[in-house]
Structures are given as structure tokens and as C-alpha cells.
Protein backbone atom coordinates (compact mmCIF):
# COMPACT_ATOMS: atom_id res chain seq x y z
CA MET A 1 -38.59 -26.21 -44.42
CA PRO A 2 -38.89 -23.07 -42.89
CA LYS A 3 -36.64 -19.79 -43.56
CA LYS A 4 -34.79 -18.96 -40.65
CA ARG A 5 -35.43 -16.10 -38.73
CA ARG A 6 -33.26 -13.11 -37.98
CA VAL A 7 -31.38 -12.89 -34.52
CA PHE A 8 -32.34 -9.38 -33.66
CA ILE A 9 -30.26 -7.52 -31.37
CA PRO A 10 -31.62 -4.06 -29.42
CA PRO A 11 -29.26 -0.55 -30.09
CA LYS A 12 -27.62 -0.19 -26.60
CA ARG A 13 -29.27 1.81 -23.83
CA THR A 14 -26.30 3.20 -22.04
CA PRO A 15 -25.45 7.26 -22.50
CA PRO A 16 -23.25 8.23 -25.18
CA GLY A 17 -19.77 9.20 -23.82
CA PRO A 18 -19.17 13.25 -23.07
CA PRO A 19 -18.87 15.42 -26.01
CA THR A 20 -14.53 15.29 -26.61
CA GLY A 21 -13.94 19.04 -26.05
CA GLU A 22 -14.83 17.94 -22.17
CA VAL A 23 -12.22 16.94 -19.84
CA VAL A 24 -13.27 13.95 -17.81
CA THR A 25 -11.51 13.66 -14.21
CA ARG A 26 -12.29 11.04 -11.79
CA PRO A 27 -13.27 12.09 -8.37
CA ALA A 28 -11.52 10.09 -6.12
CA ALA A 29 -7.94 9.75 -8.64
CA LEU A 30 -5.23 8.69 -6.45
CA SER A 31 -1.51 9.59 -6.69
CA ILE A 32 0.91 7.87 -6.84
CA ASN A 33 5.00 8.16 -4.42
CA THR A 34 7.12 7.69 -7.59
CA SER A 35 10.07 7.11 -4.47
CA ALA A 36 8.83 4.33 -3.57
CA LEU A 37 10.95 3.03 -6.76
CA GLU A 38 14.00 3.65 -5.24
CA GLY A 39 13.07 1.93 -2.03
CA ARG A 40 14.76 2.85 1.50
CA PRO A 41 18.51 2.48 1.05
CA GLY A 42 20.87 1.01 4.59
CA LEU A 43 17.90 -2.22 5.21
CA ALA A 44 19.19 -5.45 5.85
CA VAL A 45 17.65 -8.70 6.18
CA GLY A 46 17.72 -8.98 10.14
CA ASP A 47 17.25 -5.42 10.81
CA ARG A 48 14.88 -4.05 13.39
CA VAL A 49 12.28 -1.10 11.63
CA ARG A 50 9.35 0.24 12.63
CA ILE A 51 6.00 0.42 9.33
CA LEU A 52 5.48 3.30 8.78
CA GLY A 53 2.53 4.32 6.29
CA SER A 54 -1.52 3.37 7.76
CA GLY A 55 -2.51 -0.36 7.40
CA LEU A 56 -2.95 -3.39 9.87
CA TYR A 57 0.35 -3.18 10.76
CA ALA A 58 1.48 0.51 10.89
CA GLY A 59 3.55 1.60 14.37
CA GLU A 60 4.82 -2.21 14.72
CA ILE A 61 8.04 -3.21 15.24
CA ALA A 62 9.61 -6.14 12.66
CA VAL A 63 12.34 -7.94 11.72
CA ILE A 64 12.79 -8.14 7.82
CA GLU A 65 12.74 -12.29 7.10
CA ARG A 66 13.96 -11.88 2.70
CA ILE A 67 14.51 -8.35 0.89
CA ALA A 68 12.59 -8.67 -2.64
CA GLY A 69 14.26 -5.88 -5.12
CA GLY A 70 11.76 -5.27 -7.79
CA VAL A 71 9.75 -2.02 -9.43
CA VAL A 72 8.59 -1.15 -5.60
CA PRO A 73 11.38 -2.53 -3.35
CA ALA A 74 9.78 -4.81 -0.58
CA ALA A 75 10.26 -6.88 2.08
CA SER A 76 9.22 -9.57 4.22
CA VAL A 77 9.20 -8.32 8.15
CA ARG A 78 7.65 -10.67 10.97
CA THR A 79 6.47 -7.98 13.63
CA GLU A 80 6.37 -9.41 17.55
CA ALA A 81 2.82 -10.19 17.55
CA GLY A 82 4.47 -13.54 15.44
CA ARG A 83 2.51 -12.38 12.14
CA SER A 84 4.45 -11.37 8.93
CA ARG A 85 3.37 -9.58 5.72
CA THR A 86 5.21 -7.95 2.65
CA VAL A 87 6.16 -4.09 3.34
CA ARG A 88 7.14 -1.69 0.68
CA THR A 89 11.18 -0.86 2.30
CA ILE A 90 9.79 3.10 1.83
CA ASP A 91 7.79 2.46 4.25
CA LEU A 92 10.41 1.21 6.77
CA GLU A 93 12.42 2.37 9.07
CA PRO A 94 15.52 0.87 10.56
CA VAL A 95 15.20 1.29 14.70
CA GLY A 96 17.30 0.29 17.25
CA PRO A 97 17.64 -2.97 19.51
CA GLY A 98 16.21 -1.44 22.50
CA GLN A 99 13.80 0.29 21.20
CA LEU A 100 9.51 -0.62 21.80
CA THR A 101 6.73 -0.62 20.49
CA PRO A 102 5.59 3.28 21.14
CA GLY A 103 3.13 3.35 24.06
CA PRO A 104 1.93 6.27 26.50
CA THR A 105 4.54 8.49 27.87
CA ALA A 106 4.99 10.26 31.87
CA ASP A 107 5.48 13.56 30.15
CA THR A 108 1.61 13.65 28.29
CA GLY A 109 -1.65 13.18 30.68
CA PRO A 110 -5.10 14.68 30.54
CA GLY A 111 -3.64 17.38 32.70
CA ASP A 112 -1.11 19.02 30.14
């Protein structure tokens, strides 16, 4: 019976890490909004709110359907268009019952 061959594992081709004295920072480091941990007080199920921040539904009026507590409080909302999504409560702004989705106003125009 022939002798079993030894498995050859080639050395890694990746370069070694940075020297220990050098500080490495990522070019796209992000910052965390720590005020989101507290949430926005005064929100309740059934309240009309405006979605703040950036994203698909930013600026739309919605109704709170459910509030979920946790590390970062969130609320499930349904927009006036019928779409549903979960939003951090810090990104919700209470609006009055008669306010509509913001649009162009009469006092702004190209001649101003």
C-alpha cells in the first residue's frame, strides 16, 4: 500500500495588517443619533404624524397603527396613500387633524 500524500496548503497572499502604531479610520464612518434611544414623547396610536428624515416616505402624513418599545422605540404607520412601514419615533412629527401633505404655496414662485 502506497504512503499517503501530505496535503500542501499554500501561504496566504494577502498583505499583513497595518503597523500597530498607525490609526486606521474608515473613509465612510457613520455617526449614530443617540437621541433616537429616547424616542419622541407624546405619541399615541391613532395620532396623525409627518415622517421626517430621509427615505421613501419622507414628508408624508401617516397615522400611527402600533407603537413598539425597545432599545430604539419605533411605530408602525400607514401613510395616506395606504402604504405601511416601521419608523423610529424620533423621525415622527405630530401634525394637526386638518394639515395636509406639504405642497407648493401661493406666495412662492419663479418671480420671487
